[in-house]
Amino acid sequence: MTTTSLSQPVMFAQTRTALPGIMLCGVIAVAATFVSEHYGGPQFLYALLIGIAFHFLADSEKCQPGIELSAKKLVRFGVALLGARIVASDVSDLGLVGVGALIGAVGLTIGFGLLMARLLGLPSMLGLLSGGGTGICGISATLAISSTLPATRENERYTLLTAIGIAIFSTVAMVLYPLIVKNFGLTTAEAGLFLGGSIHDVAQVVGAGLIISPEVGDAATLAKMFRVAMLMPVVVILALTFHAERKKTETAGSKTPILPMFLVVFAALAALNSLGLLSHQVVEASSTVSRWCLVTSIAALGVKTSLEKLAELGWKPIVLMSSEAIFVAGYMLLVVYLSRVFGA
C-alpha cells in the first residue's frame, strides 16, 4: 500500500474529528453576521461575545480539536487572502506626505503601545498586539501578529482582549471622528487621510467616510488600504524576531518555517493584484472568504476564553488601548495641520 493511500484515511479522520468544533465556530460566525447585517454593529464584536457565551464547550472532547484548528490555522488562511486587496498603484495616489504619514502612524503607534505597556506594568506582548492592531488594520492585524508569536495561553488571552478592545474603540471612532472632521473643517483629502489613518478596522473606516460623503469614503478607504499593506512588512519582521521562541512552543516533530507560508501567499496575491492579473470577481471572492475565515477564528478565540480570565487583567488594558487610539488620532490631526501650514 502506498504512502498516499495511507495518508488519505488519516486526513479524513483528522477532518472528521475537527468537524464539530469547526461547525460550532462557523455557526457562531453566521449568527454574528446575521445580527450585524440586520441590526447594525461590528460583526467581529458579536462573534467574540457569542463565542464567549459558549466557553463551556471549550474543553469538550468533540469540539476542542475543531476550535483549536479554527483559532490557529484558519486565521492564517484568512490573513493570506487579504493580499488580494492590495494594489501597489494606490501608493502614488496618496502622495509622499500621505505615504510618510501612514508609515509613521503604524510604526509610532506600535512603539507607543510597547511604551505604554511598560509604563502600566503590562506584558510587552499585549502592547505589541494592541499597538499593531490599532496602528495597522484592527482585528485582522491583531490576529496576524498573534500568529507570529509563541503559541501560549497567555498570548491567546491577550489576543482576545485586544480584539474586544479594538472592536469597541473602532466603533466609537466611527461615530465620533466624523464630528471631528466637521468641527475642524477638513477638506475631502484631509478627512480621508485622517479617517483612514486613525480608525482601526476597514469596515469602520468606510462607514465613517460615508457618513460625511462618498468622496470622503473613497479617500479614507484608499488611506486605510495602504495601512493594510503595511501588515506584510510588520508581520515579516515579527515572524523573524519570534522565530526561535515560536519554535520552542511547537509540538515535537513539527517544523517552524522562518517565514510562515501565509505571508508568502499574502505577498504573492498582492503582487498579482498589483500587476492586474486578478479579476474583480477573484478579489471580491478572496475578500469574502478572508472575512469569513477571520470571523470564524475570532469566534473560536471567544469560545476558548473565559470572562474570569479577562477580568484578571483589570483596568490597565482599557487605558492602554484608549491611549493608543487617542495617540494615532492626534498624530494624524497633527499631520493634517502641518500639511496645511507648509502647503504640502
C-alpha atoms as a PDB file:
ATOM      1  CA  MET A   1       0.000   0.000   0.000  1.00  0.00           C
ATOM      2  CA  THR A   2       1.392   3.415  -0.958  1.00  0.00           C
ATOM      3  CA  THR A   3       2.088   6.309   1.402  1.00  0.00           C
ATOM      4  CA  THR A   4      -0.618   8.360  -0.334  1.00  0.00           C
ATOM      5  CA  SER A   5      -3.289   5.717   0.262  1.00  0.00           C
ATOM      6  CA  LEU A   6      -2.296   5.518   3.923  1.00  0.00           C
ATOM      7  CA  SER A   7      -2.352   9.303   4.409  1.00  0.00           C
ATOM      8  CA  GLN A   8      -5.828   9.776   2.951  1.00  0.00           C
ATOM      9  CA  PRO A   9      -7.662   7.860   5.727  1.00  0.00           C
ATOM     10  CA  VAL A  10      -5.584   9.737   8.301  1.00  0.00           C
ATOM     11  CA  MET A  11      -6.515  13.101   6.780  1.00  0.00           C
ATOM     12  CA  PHE A  12     -10.165  12.045   6.622  1.00  0.00           C
ATOM     13  CA  ALA A  13     -10.086  11.000  10.280  1.00  0.00           C
ATOM     14  CA  GLN A  14      -8.493  14.304  11.318  1.00  0.00           C
ATOM     15  CA  THR A  15     -11.095  16.263   9.368  1.00  0.00           C
ATOM     16  CA  ARG A  16     -13.932  14.274  10.902  1.00  0.00           C
ATOM     17  CA  THR A  17     -12.501  14.842  14.380  1.00  0.00           C
ATOM     18  CA  ALA A  18     -12.244  18.613  13.854  1.00  0.00           C
ATOM     19  CA  LEU A  19     -15.629  18.987  12.165  1.00  0.00           C
ATOM     20  CA  PRO A  20     -17.832  19.515  15.282  1.00  0.00           C
ATOM     21  CA  GLY A  21     -15.640  22.352  16.583  1.00  0.00           C
ATOM     22  CA  ILE A  22     -15.385  23.979  13.157  1.00  0.00           C
ATOM     23  CA  MET A  23     -19.167  23.784  12.741  1.00  0.00           C
ATOM     24  CA  LEU A  24     -19.658  25.353  16.181  1.00  0.00           C
ATOM     25  CA  CYS A  25     -17.407  28.309  15.324  1.00  0.00           C
ATOM     26  CA  GLY A  26     -18.985  28.555  11.867  1.00  0.00           C
ATOM     27  CA  VAL A  27     -22.499  28.762  13.309  1.00  0.00           C
ATOM     28  CA  ILE A  28     -21.350  31.479  15.713  1.00  0.00           C
ATOM     29  CA  ALA A  29     -19.834  33.370  12.762  1.00  0.00           C
ATOM     30  CA  VAL A  30     -23.106  33.100  10.810  1.00  0.00           C
ATOM     31  CA  ALA A  31     -25.123  34.284  13.821  1.00  0.00           C
ATOM     32  CA  ALA A  32     -22.777  37.252  14.349  1.00  0.00           C
ATOM     33  CA  THR A  33     -23.021  38.188  10.672  1.00  0.00           C
ATOM     34  CA  PHE A  34     -26.831  37.972  10.734  1.00  0.00           C
ATOM     35  CA  VAL A  35     -27.080  40.244  13.777  1.00  0.00           C
ATOM     36  CA  SER A  36     -24.586  42.718  12.290  1.00  0.00           C
ATOM     37  CA  GLU A  37     -26.324  42.916   8.913  1.00  0.00           C
ATOM     38  CA  HIS A  38     -29.864  43.170  10.281  1.00  0.00           C
ATOM     39  CA  TYR A  39     -29.394  45.235  13.424  1.00  0.00           C
ATOM     40  CA  GLY A  40     -26.082  47.041  12.870  1.00  0.00           C
ATOM     41  CA  GLY A  41     -22.908  46.915  14.909  1.00  0.00           C
ATOM     42  CA  PRO A  42     -19.493  45.292  14.440  1.00  0.00           C
ATOM     43  CA  GLN A  43     -19.508  41.728  13.152  1.00  0.00           C
ATOM     44  CA  PHE A  44     -16.278  40.810  14.938  1.00  0.00           C
ATOM     45  CA  LEU A  45     -17.516  42.032  18.309  1.00  0.00           C
ATOM     46  CA  TYR A  46     -20.685  39.952  18.041  1.00  0.00           C
ATOM     47  CA  ALA A  47     -18.600  36.884  17.126  1.00  0.00           C
ATOM     48  CA  LEU A  48     -16.426  37.444  20.193  1.00  0.00           C
ATOM     49  CA  LEU A  49     -19.308  37.881  22.600  1.00  0.00           C
ATOM     50  CA  ILE A  50     -21.342  34.954  21.267  1.00  0.00           C
ATOM     51  CA  GLY A  51     -18.210  32.825  21.332  1.00  0.00           C
ATOM     52  CA  ILE A  52     -17.556  33.676  24.982  1.00  0.00           C
ATOM     53  CA  ALA A  53     -21.107  32.550  25.785  1.00  0.00           C
ATOM     54  CA  PHE A  54     -20.166  29.067  24.509  1.00  0.00           C
ATOM     55  CA  HIS A  55     -16.987  28.820  26.577  1.00  0.00           C
ATOM     56  CA  PHE A  56     -18.403  25.790  28.367  1.00  0.00           C
ATOM     57  CA  LEU A  57     -17.701  23.792  25.170  1.00  0.00           C
ATOM     58  CA  ALA A  58     -14.009  24.762  25.073  1.00  0.00           C
ATOM     59  CA  ASP A  59     -12.948  21.593  26.910  1.00  0.00           C
ATOM     60  CA  SER A  60     -15.388  19.281  25.153  1.00  0.00           C
ATOM     61  CA  GLU A  61     -13.586  16.315  23.596  1.00  0.00           C
ATOM     62  CA  LYS A  62     -15.775  16.562  20.495  1.00  0.00           C
ATOM     63  CA  CYS A  63     -15.381  20.310  19.932  1.00  0.00           C
ATOM     64  CA  GLN A  64     -11.855  21.041  21.131  1.00  0.00           C
ATOM     65  CA  PRO A  65      -9.900  19.891  18.013  1.00  0.00           C
ATOM     66  CA  GLY A  66     -12.043  21.988  15.677  1.00  0.00           C
ATOM     67  CA  ILE A  67     -11.940  25.019  17.980  1.00  0.00           C
ATOM     68  CA  GLU A  68      -8.135  24.818  18.094  1.00  0.00           C
ATOM     69  CA  LEU A  69      -7.915  24.486  14.310  1.00  0.00           C
ATOM     70  CA  SER A  70     -10.246  27.461  13.775  1.00  0.00           C
ATOM     71  CA  ALA A  71      -8.349  29.652  16.240  1.00  0.00           C
ATOM     72  CA  LYS A  72      -4.822  28.868  14.997  1.00  0.00           C
ATOM     73  CA  LYS A  73      -4.957  27.650  11.395  1.00  0.00           C
ATOM     74  CA  LEU A  74      -7.995  29.301   9.842  1.00  0.00           C
ATOM     75  CA  VAL A  75      -6.772  32.773  10.786  1.00  0.00           C
ATOM     76  CA  ARG A  76      -3.621  32.299   8.693  1.00  0.00           C
ATOM     77  CA  PHE A  77      -5.671  31.351   5.661  1.00  0.00           C
ATOM     78  CA  GLY A  78      -7.839  34.440   6.144  1.00  0.00           C
ATOM     79  CA  VAL A  79      -4.863  36.780   6.506  1.00  0.00           C
ATOM     80  CA  ALA A  80      -3.186  35.275   3.427  1.00  0.00           C
ATOM     81  CA  LEU A  81      -6.236  36.105   1.303  1.00  0.00           C
ATOM     82  CA  LEU A  82      -6.082  39.746   2.440  1.00  0.00           C
ATOM     83  CA  GLY A  83      -3.198  40.173  -0.002  1.00  0.00           C
ATOM     84  CA  ALA A  84      -5.677  40.160  -2.890  1.00  0.00           C
ATOM     85  CA  ARG A  85      -6.943  43.564  -1.714  1.00  0.00           C
ATOM     86  CA  ILE A  86      -3.570  45.277  -2.066  1.00  0.00           C
ATOM     87  CA  VAL A  87      -2.746  47.357  -5.162  1.00  0.00           C
ATOM     88  CA  ALA A  88       0.691  48.985  -5.411  1.00  0.00           C
ATOM     89  CA  SER A  89      -0.587  51.805  -7.647  1.00  0.00           C
ATOM     90  CA  ASP A  90      -2.604  53.173  -4.718  1.00  0.00           C
ATOM     91  CA  VAL A  91       0.659  54.409  -3.180  1.00  0.00           C
ATOM     92  CA  SER A  92       1.120  57.088  -5.856  1.00  0.00           C
ATOM     93  CA  ASP A  93      -2.422  58.364  -5.285  1.00  0.00           C
ATOM     94  CA  LEU A  94      -1.637  59.103  -1.633  1.00  0.00           C
ATOM     95  CA  GLY A  95       1.401  61.295  -2.363  1.00  0.00           C
ATOM     96  CA  LEU A  96       4.634  61.485  -0.402  1.00  0.00           C
ATOM     97  CA  VAL A  97       3.048  63.218   2.579  1.00  0.00           C
ATOM     98  CA  GLY A  98       0.275  60.635   2.833  1.00  0.00           C
ATOM     99  CA  VAL A  99       2.615  57.665   2.483  1.00  0.00           C
ATOM    100  CA  GLY A 100       5.087  59.056   5.017  1.00  0.00           C
ATOM    101  CA  ALA A 101       2.317  59.925   7.462  1.00  0.00           C
ATOM    102  CA  LEU A 102       0.748  56.460   7.292  1.00  0.00           C
ATOM    103  CA  ILE A 103       4.073  54.659   7.672  1.00  0.00           C
ATOM    104  CA  GLY A 104       4.737  56.863  10.685  1.00  0.00           C
ATOM    105  CA  ALA A 105       1.301  56.091  12.103  1.00  0.00           C
ATOM    106  CA  VAL A 106       1.979  52.361  12.008  1.00  0.00           C
ATOM    107  CA  GLY A 107       5.498  52.465  13.425  1.00  0.00           C
ATOM    108  CA  LEU A 108       4.873  55.099  16.074  1.00  0.00           C
ATOM    109  CA  THR A 109       1.650  53.504  17.310  1.00  0.00           C
ATOM    110  CA  ILE A 110       3.350  50.138  17.785  1.00  0.00           C
ATOM    111  CA  GLY A 111       6.202  51.866  19.624  1.00  0.00           C
ATOM    112  CA  PHE A 112       3.735  53.845  21.728  1.00  0.00           C
ATOM    113  CA  GLY A 113       1.861  50.641  22.608  1.00  0.00           C
ATOM    114  CA  LEU A 114       5.057  48.965  23.813  1.00  0.00           C
ATOM    115  CA  LEU A 115       5.989  52.067  25.840  1.00  0.00           C
ATOM    116  CA  MET A 116       2.559  52.385  27.453  1.00  0.00           C
ATOM    117  CA  ALA A 117       2.502  48.668  28.279  1.00  0.00           C
ATOM    118  CA  ARG A 118       5.788  49.091  30.128  1.00  0.00           C
ATOM    119  CA  LEU A 119       4.581  52.207  31.975  1.00  0.00           C
ATOM    120  CA  LEU A 120       1.392  50.426  33.032  1.00  0.00           C
ATOM    121  CA  GLY A 121       3.235  47.285  34.077  1.00  0.00           C
ATOM    122  CA  LEU A 122       1.550  45.167  31.393  1.00  0.00           C
ATOM    123  CA  PRO A 123       3.169  42.397  29.293  1.00  0.00           C
ATOM    124  CA  SER A 124       5.026  43.655  26.229  1.00  0.00           C
ATOM    125  CA  MET A 125       3.110  41.140  24.091  1.00  0.00           C
ATOM    126  CA  LEU A 126      -0.143  42.939  24.934  1.00  0.00           C
ATOM    127  CA  GLY A 127       1.428  46.268  23.971  1.00  0.00           C
ATOM    128  CA  LEU A 128       2.641  44.774  20.694  1.00  0.00           C
ATOM    129  CA  LEU A 129      -0.732  43.242  19.830  1.00  0.00           C
ATOM    130  CA  SER A 130      -2.771  46.326  20.736  1.00  0.00           C
ATOM    131  CA  GLY A 131      -0.316  48.740  19.130  1.00  0.00           C
ATOM    132  CA  GLY A 132      -0.193  46.673  15.946  1.00  0.00           C
ATOM    133  CA  GLY A 133      -3.963  46.255  15.809  1.00  0.00           C
ATOM    134  CA  THR A 134      -4.567  49.970  16.410  1.00  0.00           C
ATOM    135  CA  GLY A 135      -1.838  51.105  14.033  1.00  0.00           C
ATOM    136  CA  ILE A 136      -2.427  48.766  11.081  1.00  0.00           C
ATOM    137  CA  CYS A 137      -5.864  47.304  10.397  1.00  0.00           C
ATOM    138  CA  GLY A 138      -7.643  46.365  13.576  1.00  0.00           C
ATOM    139  CA  ILE A 139      -8.607  42.797  14.402  1.00  0.00           C
ATOM    140  CA  SER A 140      -7.127  41.366  11.181  1.00  0.00           C
ATOM    141  CA  ALA A 141      -3.711  42.756  12.132  1.00  0.00           C
ATOM    142  CA  THR A 142      -4.113  41.548  15.711  1.00  0.00           C
ATOM    143  CA  LEU A 143      -4.774  38.001  14.529  1.00  0.00           C
ATOM    144  CA  ALA A 144      -1.905  38.135  12.018  1.00  0.00           C
ATOM    145  CA  ILE A 145       0.551  39.403  14.634  1.00  0.00           C
ATOM    146  CA  SER A 146      -0.685  36.821  17.131  1.00  0.00           C
ATOM    147  CA  SER A 147       0.072  34.032  14.649  1.00  0.00           C
ATOM    148  CA  THR A 148       3.765  35.028  14.668  1.00  0.00           C
ATOM    149  CA  LEU A 149       4.043  34.949  18.473  1.00  0.00           C
ATOM    150  CA  PRO A 150       4.765  31.887  20.638  1.00  0.00           C
ATOM    151  CA  ALA A 151       1.594  29.791  20.923  1.00  0.00           C
ATOM    152  CA  THR A 152       0.860  30.170  24.639  1.00  0.00           C
ATOM    153  CA  ARG A 153      -2.391  30.521  26.562  1.00  0.00           C
ATOM    154  CA  GLU A 154      -1.300  33.973  27.755  1.00  0.00           C
ATOM    155  CA  ASN A 155      -0.837  35.213  24.191  1.00  0.00           C
ATOM    156  CA  GLU A 156      -4.237  33.808  23.219  1.00  0.00           C
ATOM    157  CA  ARG A 157      -5.790  35.709  26.130  1.00  0.00           C
ATOM    158  CA  TYR A 158      -4.010  38.930  25.121  1.00  0.00           C
ATOM    159  CA  THR A 159      -5.187  38.435  21.544  1.00  0.00           C
ATOM    160  CA  LEU A 160      -8.813  38.117  22.570  1.00  0.00           C
ATOM    161  CA  LEU A 161      -8.610  41.078  24.922  1.00  0.00           C
ATOM    162  CA  THR A 162      -7.069  43.213  22.171  1.00  0.00           C
ATOM    163  CA  ALA A 163      -9.718  42.108  19.692  1.00  0.00           C
ATOM    164  CA  ILE A 164     -12.514  43.084  22.094  1.00  0.00           C
ATOM    165  CA  GLY A 165     -10.933  46.483  22.785  1.00  0.00           C
ATOM    166  CA  ILE A 166     -10.291  47.238  19.129  1.00  0.00           C
ATOM    167  CA  ALA A 167     -13.836  46.281  18.140  1.00  0.00           C
ATOM    168  CA  ILE A 168     -15.243  48.671  20.748  1.00  0.00           C
ATOM    169  CA  PHE A 169     -12.872  51.593  20.145  1.00  0.00           C
ATOM    170  CA  SER A 170     -13.148  51.254  16.365  1.00  0.00           C
ATOM    171  CA  THR A 171     -16.925  51.532  16.573  1.00  0.00           C
ATOM    172  CA  VAL A 172     -16.681  54.567  18.874  1.00  0.00           C
ATOM    173  CA  ALA A 173     -14.215  56.171  16.447  1.00  0.00           C
ATOM    174  CA  MET A 174     -16.574  55.582  13.515  1.00  0.00           C
ATOM    175  CA  VAL A 175     -19.237  57.638  15.285  1.00  0.00           C
ATOM    176  CA  LEU A 176     -17.065  60.386  16.808  1.00  0.00           C
ATOM    177  CA  TYR A 177     -14.386  61.065  14.193  1.00  0.00           C
ATOM    178  CA  PRO A 178     -16.772  62.432  11.510  1.00  0.00           C
ATOM    179  CA  LEU A 179     -17.706  65.089  14.088  1.00  0.00           C
ATOM    180  CA  ILE A 180     -14.021  65.982  14.409  1.00  0.00           C
ATOM    181  CA  VAL A 181     -13.789  66.273  10.624  1.00  0.00           C
ATOM    182  CA  LYS A 182     -16.693  68.717  10.523  1.00  0.00           C
ATOM    183  CA  ASN A 183     -15.556  70.758  13.531  1.00  0.00           C
ATOM    184  CA  PHE A 184     -12.046  71.171  12.105  1.00  0.00           C
ATOM    185  CA  GLY A 185     -13.335  71.917   8.607  1.00  0.00           C
ATOM    186  CA  LEU A 186     -11.149  69.309   6.926  1.00  0.00           C
ATOM    187  CA  THR A 187     -11.147  69.020   3.145  1.00  0.00           C
ATOM    188  CA  THR A 188     -12.037  65.770   1.388  1.00  0.00           C
ATOM    189  CA  ALA A 189      -8.369  64.742   1.068  1.00  0.00           C
ATOM    190  CA  GLU A 190      -7.587  65.734   4.673  1.00  0.00           C
ATOM    191  CA  ALA A 191     -10.660  63.952   6.012  1.00  0.00           C
ATOM    192  CA  GLY A 192      -9.795  60.798   4.070  1.00  0.00           C
ATOM    193  CA  LEU A 193      -6.225  60.818   5.380  1.00  0.00           C
ATOM    194  CA  PHE A 194      -7.362  61.410   8.963  1.00  0.00           C
ATOM    195  CA  LEU A 195     -10.118  58.789   8.988  1.00  0.00           C
ATOM    196  CA  GLY A 196      -8.141  56.198   7.023  1.00  0.00           C
ATOM    197  CA  GLY A 197      -5.067  56.768   9.154  1.00  0.00           C
ATOM    198  CA  SER A 198      -6.657  56.692  12.598  1.00  0.00           C
ATOM    199  CA  ILE A 199      -9.658  54.316  12.663  1.00  0.00           C
ATOM    200  CA  HIS A 200      -8.828  50.691  13.410  1.00  0.00           C
ATOM    201  CA  ASP A 201     -10.897  48.393  11.142  1.00  0.00           C
ATOM    202  CA  VAL A 202     -11.608  48.740   7.411  1.00  0.00           C
ATOM    203  CA  ALA A 203     -15.389  48.479   7.779  1.00  0.00           C
ATOM    204  CA  GLN A 204     -15.487  51.307  10.330  1.00  0.00           C
ATOM    205  CA  VAL A 205     -13.250  53.476   8.110  1.00  0.00           C
ATOM    206  CA  VAL A 206     -15.650  53.057   5.207  1.00  0.00           C
ATOM    207  CA  GLY A 207     -18.630  53.745   7.467  1.00  0.00           C
ATOM    208  CA  ALA A 208     -17.103  56.893   8.941  1.00  0.00           C
ATOM    209  CA  GLY A 209     -16.190  58.212   5.490  1.00  0.00           C
ATOM    210  CA  LEU A 210     -19.636  57.580   4.037  1.00  0.00           C
ATOM    211  CA  ILE A 211     -21.229  59.417   6.970  1.00  0.00           C
ATOM    212  CA  ILE A 212     -19.617  62.555   5.525  1.00  0.00           C
ATOM    213  CA  SER A 213     -19.729  61.899   1.760  1.00  0.00           C
ATOM    214  CA  PRO A 214     -18.974  59.210  -0.846  1.00  0.00           C
ATOM    215  CA  GLU A 215     -15.829  61.142  -1.853  1.00  0.00           C
ATOM    216  CA  VAL A 216     -14.508  61.107   1.698  1.00  0.00           C
ATOM    217  CA  GLY A 217     -15.383  57.426   1.906  1.00  0.00           C
ATOM    218  CA  ASP A 218     -13.234  56.684  -1.160  1.00  0.00           C
ATOM    219  CA  ALA A 219     -10.315  58.782   0.138  1.00  0.00           C
ATOM    220  CA  ALA A 220     -10.488  57.170   3.580  1.00  0.00           C
ATOM    221  CA  THR A 221     -10.605  53.669   2.095  1.00  0.00           C
ATOM    222  CA  LEU A 222      -7.513  54.416  -0.023  1.00  0.00           C
ATOM    223  CA  ALA A 223      -5.549  55.550   3.037  1.00  0.00           C
ATOM    224  CA  LYS A 224      -6.766  52.561   5.025  1.00  0.00           C
ATOM    225  CA  MET A 225      -5.737  50.053   2.363  1.00  0.00           C
ATOM    226  CA  PHE A 226      -2.190  51.396   2.487  1.00  0.00           C
ATOM    227  CA  ARG A 227      -2.184  50.659   6.221  1.00  0.00           C
ATOM    228  CA  VAL A 228      -3.416  47.140   5.399  1.00  0.00           C
ATOM    229  CA  ALA A 229      -0.463  46.790   3.011  1.00  0.00           C
ATOM    230  CA  MET A 230       1.850  47.660   5.920  1.00  0.00           C
ATOM    231  CA  LEU A 231       0.726  44.426   7.563  1.00  0.00           C
ATOM    232  CA  MET A 232       3.099  42.441   5.366  1.00  0.00           C
ATOM    233  CA  PRO A 233       6.453  44.032   6.359  1.00  0.00           C
ATOM    234  CA  VAL A 234       5.444  44.293  10.017  1.00  0.00           C
ATOM    235  CA  VAL A 235       4.424  40.646  10.299  1.00  0.00           C
ATOM    236  CA  VAL A 236       7.539  39.511   8.405  1.00  0.00           C
ATOM    237  CA  ILE A 237       9.735  41.388  10.898  1.00  0.00           C
ATOM    238  CA  LEU A 238       7.852  39.887  13.841  1.00  0.00           C
ATOM    239  CA  ALA A 239       7.951  36.388  12.337  1.00  0.00           C
ATOM    240  CA  LEU A 240      11.738  36.618  12.066  1.00  0.00           C
ATOM    241  CA  THR A 241      12.034  38.151  15.544  1.00  0.00           C
ATOM    242  CA  PHE A 242       9.982  35.492  17.318  1.00  0.00           C
ATOM    243  CA  HIS A 243      11.026  32.523  15.172  1.00  0.00           C
ATOM    244  CA  ALA A 244      13.226  30.967  17.862  1.00  0.00           C
ATOM    245  CA  GLU A 245      10.629  31.416  20.636  1.00  0.00           C
ATOM    246  CA  ARG A 246       7.827  30.137  18.419  1.00  0.00           C
ATOM    247  CA  LYS A 247       9.877  27.051  17.610  1.00  0.00           C
ATOM    248  CA  LYS A 248      10.061  26.149  21.316  1.00  0.00           C
ATOM    249  CA  THR A 249       6.267  26.038  21.607  1.00  0.00           C
ATOM    250  CA  GLU A 250       5.750  23.824  18.545  1.00  0.00           C
ATOM    251  CA  THR A 251       4.920  20.167  19.069  1.00  0.00           C
ATOM    252  CA  ALA A 252       7.610  17.552  18.618  1.00  0.00           C
ATOM    253  CA  GLY A 253       8.290  16.619  15.021  1.00  0.00           C
ATOM    254  CA  SER A 254       6.755  19.756  13.517  1.00  0.00           C
ATOM    255  CA  LYS A 255       8.821  22.264  11.598  1.00  0.00           C
ATOM    256  CA  THR A 256       8.587  26.001  12.123  1.00  0.00           C
ATOM    257  CA  PRO A 257       9.461  27.856   8.891  1.00  0.00           C
ATOM    258  CA  ILE A 258      11.402  31.086   9.232  1.00  0.00           C
ATOM    259  CA  LEU A 259       8.786  32.837   7.088  1.00  0.00           C
ATOM    260  CA  PRO A 260       5.235  31.461   7.553  1.00  0.00           C
ATOM    261  CA  MET A 261       3.581  30.283   4.342  1.00  0.00           C
ATOM    262  CA  PHE A 262       0.572  32.552   4.819  1.00  0.00           C
ATOM    263  CA  LEU A 263       2.867  35.581   4.456  1.00  0.00           C
ATOM    264  CA  VAL A 264       4.270  34.198   1.221  1.00  0.00           C
ATOM    265  CA  VAL A 265       0.731  33.758  -0.138  1.00  0.00           C
ATOM    266  CA  PHE A 266      -0.197  37.262   1.070  1.00  0.00           C
ATOM    267  CA  ALA A 267       2.759  38.767  -0.825  1.00  0.00           C
ATOM    268  CA  ALA A 268       2.066  36.683  -3.946  1.00  0.00           C
ATOM    269  CA  LEU A 269      -1.589  37.746  -4.101  1.00  0.00           C
ATOM    270  CA  ALA A 270      -0.641  41.395  -3.547  1.00  0.00           C
ATOM    271  CA  ALA A 271       1.889  41.182  -6.394  1.00  0.00           C
ATOM    272  CA  LEU A 272      -0.593  39.507  -8.737  1.00  0.00           C
ATOM    273  CA  ASN A 273      -3.286  42.100  -7.982  1.00  0.00           C
ATOM    274  CA  SER A 274      -0.824  44.973  -8.430  1.00  0.00           C
ATOM    275  CA  LEU A 275       0.063  43.593 -11.869  1.00  0.00           C
ATOM    276  CA  GLY A 276      -3.626  43.419 -12.782  1.00  0.00           C
ATOM    277  CA  LEU A 277      -3.624  39.623 -13.022  1.00  0.00           C
ATOM    278  CA  LEU A 278      -6.525  39.138 -10.615  1.00  0.00           C
ATOM    279  CA  SER A 279     -10.028  39.871 -11.825  1.00  0.00           C
ATOM    280  CA  HIS A 280     -12.503  41.908  -9.792  1.00  0.00           C
ATOM    281  CA  GLN A 281     -14.511  38.758  -9.122  1.00  0.00           C
ATOM    282  CA  VAL A 282     -11.465  36.945  -7.737  1.00  0.00           C
ATOM    283  CA  VAL A 283     -10.587  39.882  -5.483  1.00  0.00           C
ATOM    284  CA  GLU A 284     -14.145  40.094  -4.168  1.00  0.00           C
ATOM    285  CA  ALA A 285     -14.320  36.344  -3.593  1.00  0.00           C
ATOM    286  CA  SER A 286     -10.974  36.382  -1.770  1.00  0.00           C
ATOM    287  CA  SER A 287     -12.108  39.262   0.441  1.00  0.00           C
ATOM    288  CA  THR A 288     -15.348  37.467   1.302  1.00  0.00           C
ATOM    289  CA  VAL A 289     -13.641  34.162   2.124  1.00  0.00           C
ATOM    290  CA  SER A 290     -10.976  36.024   4.119  1.00  0.00           C
ATOM    291  CA  ARG A 291     -13.569  37.801   6.233  1.00  0.00           C
ATOM    292  CA  TRP A 292     -15.462  34.570   6.939  1.00  0.00           C
ATOM    293  CA  CYS A 293     -12.232  32.870   7.988  1.00  0.00           C
ATOM    294  CA  LEU A 294     -11.341  35.735  10.334  1.00  0.00           C
ATOM    295  CA  VAL A 295     -14.834  35.925  11.841  1.00  0.00           C
ATOM    296  CA  THR A 296     -14.807  32.163  12.440  1.00  0.00           C
ATOM    297  CA  SER A 297     -11.351  32.416  14.024  1.00  0.00           C
ATOM    298  CA  ILE A 298     -12.369  35.220  16.350  1.00  0.00           C
ATOM    299  CA  ALA A 299     -15.438  33.172  17.336  1.00  0.00           C
ATOM    300  CA  ALA A 300     -13.092  30.290  18.211  1.00  0.00           C
ATOM    301  CA  LEU A 301     -10.957  32.599  20.338  1.00  0.00           C
ATOM    302  CA  GLY A 302     -14.114  33.701  22.119  1.00  0.00           C
ATOM    303  CA  VAL A 303     -15.084  30.114  22.868  1.00  0.00           C
ATOM    304  CA  LYS A 304     -11.607  29.437  24.267  1.00  0.00           C
ATOM    305  CA  THR A 305     -11.581  32.373  26.669  1.00  0.00           C
ATOM    306  CA  SER A 306     -13.469  32.863  29.921  1.00  0.00           C
ATOM    307  CA  LEU A 307     -14.614  36.221  31.249  1.00  0.00           C
ATOM    308  CA  GLU A 308     -12.978  35.425  34.591  1.00  0.00           C
ATOM    309  CA  LYS A 309      -9.530  35.300  32.997  1.00  0.00           C
ATOM    310  CA  LEU A 310     -10.150  38.531  31.117  1.00  0.00           C
ATOM    311  CA  ALA A 311     -11.278  40.258  34.298  1.00  0.00           C
ATOM    312  CA  GLU A 312      -7.997  39.309  35.966  1.00  0.00           C
ATOM    313  CA  LEU A 313      -6.192  41.778  33.699  1.00  0.00           C
ATOM    314  CA  GLY A 314      -8.071  44.695  35.284  1.00  0.00           C
ATOM    315  CA  TRP A 315      -8.485  48.280  34.043  1.00  0.00           C
ATOM    316  CA  LYS A 316      -4.986  48.804  32.666  1.00  0.00           C
ATOM    317  CA  PRO A 317      -5.628  47.279  29.207  1.00  0.00           C
ATOM    318  CA  ILE A 318      -8.510  49.740  28.752  1.00  0.00           C
ATOM    319  CA  VAL A 319      -6.160  52.627  29.472  1.00  0.00           C
ATOM    320  CA  LEU A 320      -3.589  51.105  27.124  1.00  0.00           C
ATOM    321  CA  MET A 321      -5.909  50.749  24.122  1.00  0.00           C
ATOM    322  CA  SER A 322      -7.714  54.042  24.646  1.00  0.00           C
ATOM    323  CA  SER A 323      -4.394  55.881  24.854  1.00  0.00           C
ATOM    324  CA  GLU A 324      -3.246  54.196  21.622  1.00  0.00           C
ATOM    325  CA  ALA A 325      -6.440  55.294  19.855  1.00  0.00           C
ATOM    326  CA  ILE A 326      -6.008  58.870  21.083  1.00  0.00           C
ATOM    327  CA  PHE A 327      -2.329  58.828  20.106  1.00  0.00           C
ATOM    328  CA  VAL A 328      -2.860  57.786  16.482  1.00  0.00           C
ATOM    329  CA  ALA A 329      -5.808  60.178  16.063  1.00  0.00           C
ATOM    330  CA  GLY A 330      -3.775  63.061  17.496  1.00  0.00           C
ATOM    331  CA  TYR A 331      -0.833  62.148  15.268  1.00  0.00           C
ATOM    332  CA  MET A 332      -2.950  62.170  12.101  1.00  0.00           C
ATOM    333  CA  LEU A 333      -4.532  65.518  13.034  1.00  0.00           C
ATOM    334  CA  LEU A 334      -1.032  66.929  13.560  1.00  0.00           C
ATOM    335  CA  VAL A 335      -0.018  65.671  10.098  1.00  0.00           C
ATOM    336  CA  VAL A 336      -3.056  67.351   8.540  1.00  0.00           C
ATOM    337  CA  TYR A 337      -2.300  70.626  10.375  1.00  0.00           C
ATOM    338  CA  LEU A 338       1.376  70.606   9.363  1.00  0.00           C
ATOM    339  CA  SER A 339       0.496  69.861   5.726  1.00  0.00           C
ATOM    340  CA  ARG A 340      -1.732  72.954   5.766  1.00  0.00           C
ATOM    341  CA  VAL A 341       0.929  75.171   7.359  1.00  0.00           C
ATOM    342  CA  PHE A 342       3.691  74.102   4.987  1.00  0.00           C
ATOM    343  CA  GLY A 343       1.402  73.831   1.964  1.00  0.00           C
ATOM    344  CA  ALA A 344       2.251  70.207   1.294  1.00  0.00           C
END
